[in-house]
Amino acid sequence: MRHFTFKIGTILLVLAAAFVVMAVVLLDTPGRSRSKSVKLGRDDHEKTLSSTDTLHTAAFQVNSKSAFDVGDIAELNNLKLTSSMLSAASKRNAQLRYELNWMFGRKSQRGWYLYAPLINSLLHTEKDPLSTGFASSVASWQTTTGLTPSGVLDDESFYAMISYWQGRRLKDRSAAQPDQLLTAPISDFYDPTRDVELLRVERQTYAAYKRMVAAALADRSLGLARNPKGRKGELAATEKYLKIVSAYRTREYQEQLRREAPNSGSAGLAVNSPHFTGRALDLYVGGDPVDTLDSNRAFQVQTRVYKWLVRNAERFGFRPYFYEPWHWEYVGR
């Protein structure tokens, strides 16, 4: 009798999961956002959340409004969504990839296609975002993070991903002291005419950067040009990829940049920038070096160098700022 009761309970649980997935697919329209008002500052800003809706952090808490309790979610972890459920989820993902509405820096954003390399890395999958395999990976990740395992990368799941990425950024924004900085050679920079005062980098960050560049040069698939006369692991003068666009900035220089872009507002240059620490590097990954236009970022995230950074940068202590493909922060290993 107890075995029969367990089987009935399992069947009901699977039916409940199917109902939730179908409900998400049918009701989760692009213009509808289930999340409360959430604003995440752009560029170097700290994220700010409304008091009524805190996003999931790296420690991810189970959503109290989930259709399942903790025990149910744990049991669902051992179940698989049916092929029809995954097919429905993949069709929904095909829409949301370009149509999901979400807010960032007081600006409406559309779709999550620009973040596909970071998403795949987080999900530990190389599956196409339109495939049932990708939907299955999303469902597994949703289960481990306490979200309803629908397989649909909707606004709630995407905000949780953003919170995770933002939560792993550089925490200490203290300005670097003079003895913590070194002046890097101009050959390491994208702009060969850059002022000497803008060539400074925090010492450990620079050492990690040089190790990372050496590893990238060793990867023949990237096709990076090596300096034939320089030290091993040095980029050629003509090579632009992975050159430093910007590193340490003084508060005065940051304020100057803000004055030159008076309409940037809260979505522009940060008041408390990680560049003050000397541990934030803007690296050239293609296109216009630091242009946030979607068309420019769409090109950047598809370059071999950017995808290599997503896969390998953390081995050298660097983590990304999800919104800007060029921005990487040294948090140590």
C-alpha atoms as a PDB file:
ATOM      1  CA  MET A   1       0.000   0.000   0.000  1.00  0.00           C
ATOM      2  CA  ARG A   2       2.818   2.375   0.877  1.00  0.00           C
ATOM      3  CA  HIS A   3       4.510   1.605  -2.454  1.00  0.00           C
ATOM      4  CA  PHE A   4       1.241   2.273  -4.293  1.00  0.00           C
ATOM      5  CA  THR A   5       0.799   5.584  -2.458  1.00  0.00           C
ATOM      6  CA  PHE A   6       4.345   6.641  -3.375  1.00  0.00           C
ATOM      7  CA  LYS A   7       3.746   5.860  -7.062  1.00  0.00           C
ATOM      8  CA  ILE A   8       0.492   7.836  -7.054  1.00  0.00           C
ATOM      9  CA  GLY A   9       2.305  10.761  -5.391  1.00  0.00           C
ATOM     10  CA  THR A  10       5.078  10.670  -7.994  1.00  0.00           C
ATOM     11  CA  ILE A  11       2.569  10.621 -10.849  1.00  0.00           C
ATOM     12  CA  LEU A  12       0.749  13.607  -9.380  1.00  0.00           C
ATOM     13  CA  LEU A  13       4.055  15.443  -8.987  1.00  0.00           C
ATOM     14  CA  VAL A  14       4.958  14.883 -12.655  1.00  0.00           C
ATOM     15  CA  LEU A  15       1.484  16.059 -13.715  1.00  0.00           C
ATOM     16  CA  ALA A  16       1.923  19.150 -11.563  1.00  0.00           C
ATOM     17  CA  ALA A  17       5.294  19.868 -13.220  1.00  0.00           C
ATOM     18  CA  ALA A  18       3.700  19.498 -16.649  1.00  0.00           C
ATOM     19  CA  PHE A  19       0.931  21.899 -15.677  1.00  0.00           C
ATOM     20  CA  VAL A  20       3.468  24.501 -14.477  1.00  0.00           C
ATOM     21  CA  VAL A  21       5.514  24.295 -17.692  1.00  0.00           C
ATOM     22  CA  MET A  22       2.432  24.660 -19.879  1.00  0.00           C
ATOM     23  CA  ALA A  23       1.231  27.567 -17.746  1.00  0.00           C
ATOM     24  CA  VAL A  24       4.571  29.333 -18.171  1.00  0.00           C
ATOM     25  CA  VAL A  25       4.534  28.787 -21.928  1.00  0.00           C
ATOM     26  CA  LEU A  26       0.941  29.974 -22.343  1.00  0.00           C
ATOM     27  CA  LEU A  27       0.915  32.873 -19.926  1.00  0.00           C
ATOM     28  CA  ASP A  28       4.448  34.268 -19.938  1.00  0.00           C
ATOM     29  CA  THR A  29       4.094  36.837 -22.713  1.00  0.00           C
ATOM     30  CA  PRO A  30       7.041  39.060 -23.694  1.00  0.00           C
ATOM     31  CA  GLY A  31       5.424  42.215 -22.363  1.00  0.00           C
ATOM     32  CA  ARG A  32       4.497  40.675 -19.044  1.00  0.00           C
ATOM     33  CA  SER A  33       6.960  40.791 -16.183  1.00  0.00           C
ATOM     34  CA  ARG A  34       6.323  38.816 -13.036  1.00  0.00           C
ATOM     35  CA  SER A  35       9.218  40.470 -11.241  1.00  0.00           C
ATOM     36  CA  LYS A  36       8.755  43.529  -9.101  1.00  0.00           C
ATOM     37  CA  SER A  37      10.495  46.769 -10.007  1.00  0.00           C
ATOM     38  CA  VAL A  38      14.185  45.909 -10.244  1.00  0.00           C
ATOM     39  CA  LYS A  39      16.917  48.316 -11.272  1.00  0.00           C
ATOM     40  CA  LEU A  40      20.494  47.282 -11.749  1.00  0.00           C
ATOM     41  CA  GLY A  41      22.935  50.128 -12.328  1.00  0.00           C
ATOM     42  CA  ARG A  42      24.927  49.904 -15.539  1.00  0.00           C
ATOM     43  CA  ASP A  43      28.707  49.917 -16.043  1.00  0.00           C
ATOM     44  CA  ASP A  44      30.410  49.994 -12.634  1.00  0.00           C
ATOM     45  CA  HIS A  45      27.279  50.612 -10.547  1.00  0.00           C
ATOM     46  CA  GLU A  46      26.242  48.522  -7.615  1.00  0.00           C
ATOM     47  CA  LYS A  47      22.935  46.812  -8.236  1.00  0.00           C
ATOM     48  CA  THR A  48      19.919  48.250  -6.418  1.00  0.00           C
ATOM     49  CA  LEU A  49      16.812  46.216  -5.707  1.00  0.00           C
ATOM     50  CA  SER A  50      13.385  47.212  -4.491  1.00  0.00           C
ATOM     51  CA  SER A  51      12.652  46.323  -0.872  1.00  0.00           C
ATOM     52  CA  THR A  52       9.732  44.130  -1.917  1.00  0.00           C
ATOM     53  CA  ASP A  53      11.623  41.948  -4.366  1.00  0.00           C
ATOM     54  CA  THR A  54      15.188  40.841  -3.588  1.00  0.00           C
ATOM     55  CA  LEU A  55      16.778  38.864  -6.377  1.00  0.00           C
ATOM     56  CA  HIS A  56      18.402  35.511  -5.756  1.00  0.00           C
ATOM     57  CA  THR A  57      22.039  35.744  -4.683  1.00  0.00           C
ATOM     58  CA  ALA A  58      24.812  33.219  -5.160  1.00  0.00           C
ATOM     59  CA  ALA A  59      23.426  31.400  -2.140  1.00  0.00           C
ATOM     60  CA  PHE A  60      19.992  31.302  -3.838  1.00  0.00           C
ATOM     61  CA  GLN A  61      17.029  30.851  -1.587  1.00  0.00           C
ATOM     62  CA  VAL A  62      13.978  28.800  -2.545  1.00  0.00           C
ATOM     63  CA  ASN A  63      11.225  31.013  -3.935  1.00  0.00           C
ATOM     64  CA  SER A  64       8.410  31.049  -1.389  1.00  0.00           C
ATOM     65  CA  LYS A  65       5.884  31.496  -4.193  1.00  0.00           C
ATOM     66  CA  SER A  66       7.071  28.421  -6.067  1.00  0.00           C
ATOM     67  CA  ALA A  67       4.483  25.834  -7.020  1.00  0.00           C
ATOM     68  CA  PHE A  68       6.520  23.267  -5.053  1.00  0.00           C
ATOM     69  CA  ASP A  69       7.897  23.150  -1.546  1.00  0.00           C
ATOM     70  CA  VAL A  70      11.521  22.288  -0.792  1.00  0.00           C
ATOM     71  CA  GLY A  71      10.829  18.584  -0.541  1.00  0.00           C
ATOM     72  CA  ASP A  72       8.978  18.573  -3.857  1.00  0.00           C
ATOM     73  CA  ILE A  73      11.832  20.382  -5.602  1.00  0.00           C
ATOM     74  CA  ALA A  74      14.347  17.899  -4.219  1.00  0.00           C
ATOM     75  CA  GLU A  75      12.223  15.016  -5.534  1.00  0.00           C
ATOM     76  CA  LEU A  76      11.776  16.753  -8.897  1.00  0.00           C
ATOM     77  CA  ASN A  77      15.545  16.828  -9.215  1.00  0.00           C
ATOM     78  CA  ASN A  78      15.395  13.108  -9.845  1.00  0.00           C
ATOM     79  CA  LEU A  79      12.661  13.425 -12.488  1.00  0.00           C
ATOM     80  CA  LYS A  80      12.967  14.503 -16.098  1.00  0.00           C
ATOM     81  CA  LEU A  81      10.688  16.795 -18.011  1.00  0.00           C
ATOM     82  CA  THR A  82       8.940  14.944 -20.806  1.00  0.00           C
ATOM     83  CA  SER A  83      10.019  15.478 -24.399  1.00  0.00           C
ATOM     84  CA  SER A  84       6.837  17.415 -25.138  1.00  0.00           C
ATOM     85  CA  MET A  85       7.450  19.697 -22.146  1.00  0.00           C
ATOM     86  CA  LEU A  86      11.027  20.354 -23.260  1.00  0.00           C
ATOM     87  CA  SER A  87       9.856  20.999 -26.808  1.00  0.00           C
ATOM     88  CA  ALA A  88       7.342  23.566 -25.549  1.00  0.00           C
ATOM     89  CA  ALA A  89      10.036  25.187 -23.368  1.00  0.00           C
ATOM     90  CA  SER A  90      12.485  25.403 -26.287  1.00  0.00           C
ATOM     91  CA  LYS A  91       9.839  27.121 -28.446  1.00  0.00           C
ATOM     92  CA  ARG A  92       9.238  29.637 -25.671  1.00  0.00           C
ATOM     93  CA  ASN A  93      12.989  30.225 -25.321  1.00  0.00           C
ATOM     94  CA  ALA A  94      13.162  30.918 -29.065  1.00  0.00           C
ATOM     95  CA  GLN A  95      10.746  33.812 -28.478  1.00  0.00           C
ATOM     96  CA  LEU A  96      12.195  35.139 -25.246  1.00  0.00           C
ATOM     97  CA  ARG A  97      15.734  35.060 -26.601  1.00  0.00           C
ATOM     98  CA  TYR A  98      14.928  38.234 -28.528  1.00  0.00           C
ATOM     99  CA  GLU A  99      11.683  39.440 -26.939  1.00  0.00           C
ATOM    100  CA  LEU A 100      12.053  39.167 -23.153  1.00  0.00           C
ATOM    101  CA  ASN A 101      11.399  42.584 -21.608  1.00  0.00           C
ATOM    102  CA  TRP A 102      13.551  43.556 -18.636  1.00  0.00           C
ATOM    103  CA  MET A 103      14.943  46.721 -17.054  1.00  0.00           C
ATOM    104  CA  PHE A 104      18.530  47.774 -16.545  1.00  0.00           C
ATOM    105  CA  GLY A 105      19.851  51.186 -15.558  1.00  0.00           C
ATOM    106  CA  ARG A 106      16.342  52.671 -15.911  1.00  0.00           C
ATOM    107  CA  LYS A 107      16.370  51.553 -19.516  1.00  0.00           C
ATOM    108  CA  SER A 108      14.171  48.918 -21.097  1.00  0.00           C
ATOM    109  CA  GLN A 109      16.132  45.954 -22.455  1.00  0.00           C
ATOM    110  CA  ARG A 110      14.972  43.310 -24.882  1.00  0.00           C
ATOM    111  CA  GLY A 111      15.985  39.671 -25.043  1.00  0.00           C
ATOM    112  CA  TRP A 112      18.883  37.737 -23.540  1.00  0.00           C
ATOM    113  CA  TYR A 113      20.676  36.803 -26.778  1.00  0.00           C
ATOM    114  CA  LEU A 114      23.579  39.149 -25.988  1.00  0.00           C
ATOM    115  CA  TYR A 115      24.426  37.084 -22.915  1.00  0.00           C
ATOM    116  CA  ALA A 116      24.261  33.613 -24.476  1.00  0.00           C
ATOM    117  CA  PRO A 117      27.979  32.799 -23.903  1.00  0.00           C
ATOM    118  CA  LEU A 118      27.716  33.716 -20.211  1.00  0.00           C
ATOM    119  CA  ILE A 119      24.429  31.832 -19.875  1.00  0.00           C
ATOM    120  CA  ASN A 120      25.869  28.693 -21.451  1.00  0.00           C
ATOM    121  CA  SER A 121      28.864  28.911 -19.150  1.00  0.00           C
ATOM    122  CA  LEU A 122      26.626  29.235 -16.106  1.00  0.00           C
ATOM    123  CA  LEU A 123      24.520  26.270 -17.232  1.00  0.00           C
ATOM    124  CA  HIS A 124      27.616  24.199 -18.099  1.00  0.00           C
ATOM    125  CA  THR A 125      26.281  23.474 -21.552  1.00  0.00           C
ATOM    126  CA  GLU A 126      27.219  24.135 -25.161  1.00  0.00           C
ATOM    127  CA  LYS A 127      23.731  23.379 -26.436  1.00  0.00           C
ATOM    128  CA  ASP A 128      22.068  25.805 -28.806  1.00  0.00           C
ATOM    129  CA  PRO A 129      19.706  28.152 -26.890  1.00  0.00           C
ATOM    130  CA  LEU A 130      16.868  27.019 -29.171  1.00  0.00           C
ATOM    131  CA  SER A 131      17.351  23.311 -28.448  1.00  0.00           C
ATOM    132  CA  THR A 132      15.566  20.988 -26.030  1.00  0.00           C
ATOM    133  CA  GLY A 133      19.001  20.204 -24.565  1.00  0.00           C
ATOM    134  CA  PHE A 134      19.375  23.847 -23.568  1.00  0.00           C
ATOM    135  CA  ALA A 135      15.867  23.823 -22.036  1.00  0.00           C
ATOM    136  CA  SER A 136      16.841  20.731 -20.053  1.00  0.00           C
ATOM    137  CA  SER A 137      19.967  22.510 -18.760  1.00  0.00           C
ATOM    138  CA  VAL A 138      17.864  25.529 -17.772  1.00  0.00           C
ATOM    139  CA  ALA A 139      15.470  23.249 -15.860  1.00  0.00           C
ATOM    140  CA  SER A 140      18.361  21.583 -14.001  1.00  0.00           C
ATOM    141  CA  TRP A 141      19.808  24.985 -13.072  1.00  0.00           C
ATOM    142  CA  GLN A 142      16.375  26.234 -11.974  1.00  0.00           C
ATOM    143  CA  THR A 143      16.035  23.213  -9.699  1.00  0.00           C
ATOM    144  CA  THR A 144      19.397  23.788  -8.021  1.00  0.00           C
ATOM    145  CA  THR A 145      18.623  27.491  -7.498  1.00  0.00           C
ATOM    146  CA  GLY A 146      15.162  26.964  -6.033  1.00  0.00           C
ATOM    147  CA  LEU A 147      13.183  28.113  -9.057  1.00  0.00           C
ATOM    148  CA  THR A 148      10.342  26.202 -10.669  1.00  0.00           C
ATOM    149  CA  PRO A 149      12.050  23.860 -13.177  1.00  0.00           C
ATOM    150  CA  SER A 150      10.173  24.851 -16.331  1.00  0.00           C
ATOM    151  CA  GLY A 151      13.104  24.908 -18.761  1.00  0.00           C
ATOM    152  CA  VAL A 152      12.023  28.401 -19.850  1.00  0.00           C
ATOM    153  CA  LEU A 153      14.549  31.207 -19.450  1.00  0.00           C
ATOM    154  CA  ASP A 154      11.987  33.810 -18.396  1.00  0.00           C
ATOM    155  CA  ASP A 155      12.391  37.126 -16.563  1.00  0.00           C
ATOM    156  CA  GLU A 156      12.576  35.574 -13.093  1.00  0.00           C
ATOM    157  CA  SER A 157      15.328  33.160 -14.115  1.00  0.00           C
ATOM    158  CA  PHE A 158      17.251  35.799 -16.056  1.00  0.00           C
ATOM    159  CA  TYR A 159      17.167  38.259 -13.155  1.00  0.00           C
ATOM    160  CA  ALA A 160      18.490  35.467 -10.931  1.00  0.00           C
ATOM    161  CA  MET A 161      21.368  34.965 -13.366  1.00  0.00           C
ATOM    162  CA  ILE A 162      22.122  38.702 -13.365  1.00  0.00           C
ATOM    163  CA  SER A 163      22.134  38.710  -9.582  1.00  0.00           C
ATOM    164  CA  TYR A 164      24.599  35.820  -9.577  1.00  0.00           C
ATOM    165  CA  TRP A 165      26.965  37.525 -12.024  1.00  0.00           C
ATOM    166  CA  GLN A 166      26.769  40.863 -10.215  1.00  0.00           C
ATOM    167  CA  GLY A 167      27.316  39.186  -6.865  1.00  0.00           C
ATOM    168  CA  ARG A 168      30.651  37.783  -8.027  1.00  0.00           C
ATOM    169  CA  ARG A 169      32.117  41.133  -9.020  1.00  0.00           C
ATOM    170  CA  LEU A 170      34.853  43.019  -7.203  1.00  0.00           C
ATOM    171  CA  LYS A 171      33.601  43.882  -3.716  1.00  0.00           C
ATOM    172  CA  ASP A 172      36.299  46.215  -2.395  1.00  0.00           C
ATOM    173  CA  ARG A 173      36.132  49.485  -4.335  1.00  0.00           C
ATOM    174  CA  SER A 174      38.843  51.233  -2.299  1.00  0.00           C
ATOM    175  CA  ALA A 175      41.063  53.453  -4.408  1.00  0.00           C
ATOM    176  CA  ALA A 176      44.492  52.008  -5.116  1.00  0.00           C
ATOM    177  CA  GLN A 177      47.454  53.484  -3.272  1.00  0.00           C
ATOM    178  CA  PRO A 178      50.429  54.684  -5.335  1.00  0.00           C
ATOM    179  CA  ASP A 179      52.653  51.802  -4.205  1.00  0.00           C
ATOM    180  CA  GLN A 180      50.015  49.292  -5.400  1.00  0.00           C
ATOM    181  CA  LEU A 181      50.246  50.524  -8.975  1.00  0.00           C
ATOM    182  CA  LEU A 182      52.770  50.095 -11.766  1.00  0.00           C
ATOM    183  CA  THR A 183      53.026  51.785 -15.120  1.00  0.00           C
ATOM    184  CA  ALA A 184      52.489  49.209 -17.850  1.00  0.00           C
ATOM    185  CA  PRO A 185      54.276  49.597 -21.200  1.00  0.00           C
ATOM    186  CA  ILE A 186      52.314  51.382 -23.906  1.00  0.00           C
ATOM    187  CA  SER A 187      52.595  48.220 -26.038  1.00  0.00           C
ATOM    188  CA  ASP A 188      50.001  46.581 -23.757  1.00  0.00           C
ATOM    189  CA  PHE A 189      47.408  49.226 -24.594  1.00  0.00           C
ATOM    190  CA  TYR A 190      44.920  49.499 -27.442  1.00  0.00           C
ATOM    191  CA  ASP A 191      45.641  53.206 -27.956  1.00  0.00           C
ATOM    192  CA  PRO A 192      49.372  53.732 -28.665  1.00  0.00           C
ATOM    193  CA  THR A 193      49.003  57.470 -27.903  1.00  0.00           C
ATOM    194  CA  ARG A 194      47.447  57.022 -24.443  1.00  0.00           C
ATOM    195  CA  ASP A 195      48.679  59.450 -21.774  1.00  0.00           C
ATOM    196  CA  VAL A 196      51.273  57.971 -19.418  1.00  0.00           C
ATOM    197  CA  GLU A 197      49.069  58.772 -16.410  1.00  0.00           C
ATOM    198  CA  LEU A 198      46.466  56.363 -17.821  1.00  0.00           C
ATOM    199  CA  LEU A 199      48.853  53.424 -18.136  1.00  0.00           C
ATOM    200  CA  ARG A 200      48.760  52.437 -14.482  1.00  0.00           C
ATOM    201  CA  VAL A 201      47.474  49.041 -13.323  1.00  0.00           C
ATOM    202  CA  GLU A 202      47.360  47.353  -9.915  1.00  0.00           C
ATOM    203  CA  ARG A 203      50.428  45.092  -9.649  1.00  0.00           C
ATOM    204  CA  GLN A 204      48.761  41.707  -9.053  1.00  0.00           C
ATOM    205  CA  THR A 205      46.136  42.468 -11.687  1.00  0.00           C
ATOM    206  CA  TYR A 206      48.796  43.227 -14.273  1.00  0.00           C
ATOM    207  CA  ALA A 207      50.712  40.036 -13.499  1.00  0.00           C
ATOM    208  CA  ALA A 208      47.494  38.019 -13.875  1.00  0.00           C
ATOM    209  CA  TYR A 209      46.688  39.833 -17.125  1.00  0.00           C
ATOM    210  CA  LYS A 210      50.086  38.952 -18.590  1.00  0.00           C
ATOM    211  CA  ARG A 211      49.631  35.291 -17.646  1.00  0.00           C
ATOM    212  CA  MET A 212      46.211  35.305 -19.282  1.00  0.00           C
ATOM    213  CA  VAL A 213      47.531  36.899 -22.479  1.00  0.00           C
ATOM    214  CA  ALA A 214      50.315  34.312 -22.647  1.00  0.00           C
ATOM    215  CA  ALA A 215      47.731  31.529 -22.373  1.00  0.00           C
ATOM    216  CA  ALA A 216      45.601  33.118 -25.097  1.00  0.00           C
ATOM    217  CA  LEU A 217      48.613  33.418 -27.386  1.00  0.00           C
ATOM    218  CA  ALA A 218      49.368  29.734 -26.814  1.00  0.00           C
ATOM    219  CA  ASP A 219      45.874  28.872 -28.052  1.00  0.00           C
ATOM    220  CA  ARG A 220      46.391  28.700 -31.814  1.00  0.00           C
ATOM    221  CA  SER A 221      42.636  28.698 -32.456  1.00  0.00           C
ATOM    222  CA  LEU A 222      42.492  32.404 -31.556  1.00  0.00           C
ATOM    223  CA  GLY A 223      45.005  33.373 -34.218  1.00  0.00           C
ATOM    224  CA  LEU A 224      46.556  36.145 -32.114  1.00  0.00           C
ATOM    225  CA  ALA A 225      49.745  37.767 -33.423  1.00  0.00           C
ATOM    226  CA  ARG A 226      52.806  37.366 -31.208  1.00  0.00           C
ATOM    227  CA  ASN A 227      55.575  39.949 -30.880  1.00  0.00           C
ATOM    228  CA  PRO A 228      58.520  38.205 -32.578  1.00  0.00           C
ATOM    229  CA  LYS A 229      61.060  40.449 -30.876  1.00  0.00           C
ATOM    230  CA  GLY A 230      59.403  40.699 -27.475  1.00  0.00           C
ATOM    231  CA  ARG A 231      59.299  38.421 -24.478  1.00  0.00           C
ATOM    232  CA  LYS A 232      57.397  35.161 -24.704  1.00  0.00           C
ATOM    233  CA  GLY A 233      53.658  35.754 -24.337  1.00  0.00           C
ATOM    234  CA  GLU A 234      53.680  39.324 -25.636  1.00  0.00           C
ATOM    235  CA  LEU A 235      51.177  40.528 -28.216  1.00  0.00           C
ATOM    236  CA  ALA A 236      52.435  42.039 -31.459  1.00  0.00           C
ATOM    237  CA  ALA A 237      52.216  45.801 -31.831  1.00  0.00           C
ATOM    238  CA  THR A 238      49.711  45.303 -34.641  1.00  0.00           C
ATOM    239  CA  GLU A 239      47.495  42.975 -32.596  1.00  0.00           C
ATOM    240  CA  LYS A 240      44.480  44.720 -31.081  1.00  0.00           C
ATOM    241  CA  TYR A 241      42.638  41.867 -29.393  1.00  0.00           C
ATOM    242  CA  LEU A 242      43.159  41.629 -25.619  1.00  0.00           C
ATOM    243  CA  LYS A 243      45.018  44.941 -25.507  1.00  0.00           C
ATOM    244  CA  ILE A 244      44.036  47.141 -22.538  1.00  0.00           C
ATOM    245  CA  VAL A 245      41.578  49.889 -23.431  1.00  0.00           C
ATOM    246  CA  SER A 246      41.305  51.305 -19.896  1.00  0.00           C
ATOM    247  CA  ALA A 247      42.685  50.380 -16.482  1.00  0.00           C
ATOM    248  CA  TYR A 248      43.251  52.546 -13.395  1.00  0.00           C
ATOM    249  CA  ARG A 249      41.385  55.832 -13.256  1.00  0.00           C
ATOM    250  CA  THR A 250      41.618  58.579 -10.670  1.00  0.00           C
ATOM    251  CA  ARG A 251      38.410  60.038  -9.290  1.00  0.00           C
ATOM    252  CA  GLU A 252      39.270  63.290 -11.027  1.00  0.00           C
ATOM    253  CA  TYR A 253      39.602  61.588 -14.380  1.00  0.00           C
ATOM    254  CA  GLN A 254      36.337  59.719 -13.820  1.00  0.00           C
ATOM    255  CA  GLU A 255      34.596  62.991 -13.024  1.00  0.00           C
ATOM    256  CA  GLN A 256      36.022  64.473 -16.195  1.00  0.00           C
ATOM    257  CA  LEU A 257      34.538  61.600 -18.175  1.00  0.00           C
ATOM    258  CA  ARG A 258      31.183  62.205 -16.489  1.00  0.00           C
ATOM    259  CA  ARG A 259      31.275  65.896 -17.408  1.00  0.00           C
ATOM    260  CA  GLU A 260      31.987  64.952 -21.013  1.00  0.00           C
ATOM    261  CA  ALA A 261      28.931  62.672 -20.969  1.00  0.00           C
ATOM    262  CA  PRO A 262      26.390  64.745 -18.984  1.00  0.00           C
ATOM    263  CA  ASN A 263      23.426  62.683 -20.171  1.00  0.00           C
ATOM    264  CA  SER A 264      24.830  59.386 -18.949  1.00  0.00           C
ATOM    265  CA  GLY A 265      22.930  59.622 -15.640  1.00  0.00           C
ATOM    266  CA  SER A 266      22.689  56.530 -13.460  1.00  0.00           C
ATOM    267  CA  ALA A 267      23.119  54.383 -16.553  1.00  0.00           C
ATOM    268  CA  GLY A 268      26.465  55.941 -17.380  1.00  0.00           C
ATOM    269  CA  LEU A 269      29.856  56.197 -15.741  1.00  0.00           C
ATOM    270  CA  ALA A 270      29.832  55.091 -12.132  1.00  0.00           C
ATOM    271  CA  VAL A 271      30.495  57.405  -9.221  1.00  0.00           C
ATOM    272  CA  ASN A 272      32.169  54.540  -7.359  1.00  0.00           C
ATOM    273  CA  SER A 273      34.007  52.815 -10.176  1.00  0.00           C
ATOM    274  CA  PRO A 274      36.040  49.601  -9.817  1.00  0.00           C
ATOM    275  CA  HIS A 275      38.537  51.313 -12.104  1.00  0.00           C
ATOM    276  CA  PHE A 276      39.571  53.344  -9.025  1.00  0.00           C
ATOM    277  CA  THR A 277      41.095  50.130  -7.646  1.00  0.00           C
ATOM    278  CA  GLY A 278      43.343  49.506 -10.648  1.00  0.00           C
ATOM    279  CA  ARG A 279      41.905  45.981 -10.727  1.00  0.00           C
ATOM    280  CA  ALA A 280      39.315  46.551 -13.460  1.00  0.00           C
ATOM    281  CA  LEU A 281      40.458  46.215 -17.063  1.00  0.00           C
ATOM    282  CA  ASP A 282      38.595  47.070 -20.228  1.00  0.00           C
ATOM    283  CA  LEU A 283      40.009  44.719 -22.868  1.00  0.00           C
ATOM    284  CA  TYR A 284      39.552  44.911 -26.607  1.00  0.00           C
ATOM    285  CA  VAL A 285      37.265  42.092 -27.739  1.00  0.00           C
ATOM    286  CA  GLY A 286      36.244  43.496 -31.136  1.00  0.00           C
ATOM    287  CA  GLY A 287      34.040  46.166 -32.681  1.00  0.00           C
ATOM    288  CA  ASP A 288      33.900  49.605 -31.127  1.00  0.00           C
ATOM    289  CA  PRO A 289      35.962  49.110 -27.935  1.00  0.00           C
ATOM    290  CA  VAL A 290      33.449  50.359 -25.327  1.00  0.00           C
ATOM    291  CA  ASP A 291      30.195  51.075 -27.170  1.00  0.00           C
ATOM    292  CA  THR A 292      27.109  49.677 -25.407  1.00  0.00           C
ATOM    293  CA  LEU A 293      24.874  49.705 -28.489  1.00  0.00           C
ATOM    294  CA  ASP A 294      23.228  46.306 -28.846  1.00  0.00           C
ATOM    295  CA  SER A 295      24.549  45.911 -32.393  1.00  0.00           C
ATOM    296  CA  ASN A 296      28.118  46.442 -31.188  1.00  0.00           C
ATOM    297  CA  ARG A 297      27.815  44.100 -28.229  1.00  0.00           C
ATOM    298  CA  ALA A 298      26.130  41.491 -30.451  1.00  0.00           C
ATOM    299  CA  PHE A 299      29.291  41.464 -32.558  1.00  0.00           C
ATOM    300  CA  GLN A 300      31.649  41.421 -29.553  1.00  0.00           C
ATOM    301  CA  VAL A 301      30.061  38.434 -27.781  1.00  0.00           C
ATOM    302  CA  GLN A 302      30.501  36.314 -30.901  1.00  0.00           C
ATOM    303  CA  THR A 303      34.230  36.899 -31.276  1.00  0.00           C
ATOM    304  CA  ARG A 304      36.570  34.022 -30.503  1.00  0.00           C
ATOM    305  CA  VAL A 305      38.473  36.157 -27.998  1.00  0.00           C
ATOM    306  CA  TYR A 306      35.368  37.016 -25.946  1.00  0.00           C
ATOM    307  CA  LYS A 307      34.209  33.399 -25.874  1.00  0.00           C
ATOM    308  CA  TRP A 308      37.712  32.374 -24.819  1.00  0.00           C
ATOM    309  CA  LEU A 309      37.590  34.870 -21.955  1.00  0.00           C
ATOM    310  CA  VAL A 310      34.221  33.515 -20.797  1.00  0.00           C
ATOM    311  CA  ARG A 311      35.704  30.014 -20.689  1.00  0.00           C
ATOM    312  CA  ASN A 312      39.137  30.849 -19.286  1.00  0.00           C
ATOM    313  CA  ALA A 313      39.396  34.259 -17.577  1.00  0.00           C
ATOM    314  CA  GLU A 314      38.446  32.976 -14.145  1.00  0.00           C
ATOM    315  CA  ARG A 315      41.451  30.642 -14.155  1.00  0.00           C
ATOM    316  CA  PHE A 316      43.514  33.819 -13.922  1.00  0.00           C
ATOM    317  CA  GLY A 317      41.292  35.542 -11.364  1.00  0.00           C
ATOM    318  CA  PHE A 318      39.154  37.671 -13.700  1.00  0.00           C
ATOM    319  CA  ARG A 319      35.365  37.846 -13.668  1.00  0.00           C
ATOM    320  CA  PRO A 320      33.091  39.663 -16.107  1.00  0.00           C
ATOM    321  CA  TYR A 321      30.688  42.530 -15.853  1.00  0.00           C
ATOM    322  CA  PHE A 322      27.855  40.887 -17.757  1.00  0.00           C
ATOM    323  CA  TYR A 323      26.557  44.019 -19.522  1.00  0.00           C
ATOM    324  CA  GLU A 324      29.903  45.048 -21.018  1.00  0.00           C
ATOM    325  CA  PRO A 325      31.811  42.328 -22.878  1.00  0.00           C
ATOM    326  CA  TRP A 326      35.064  44.288 -22.564  1.00  0.00           C
ATOM    327  CA  HIS A 327      34.964  44.829 -18.771  1.00  0.00           C
ATOM    328  CA  TRP A 328      36.794  42.304 -16.552  1.00  0.00           C
ATOM    329  CA  GLU A 329      37.622  42.608 -12.851  1.00  0.00           C
ATOM    330  CA  TYR A 330      40.455  40.893 -11.017  1.00  0.00           C
ATOM    331  CA  VAL A 331      39.125  39.257  -7.862  1.00  0.00           C
ATOM    332  CA  GLY A 332      42.004  36.842  -7.361  1.00  0.00           C
ATOM    333  CA  ARG A 333      42.092  33.068  -7.549  1.00  0.00           C
END
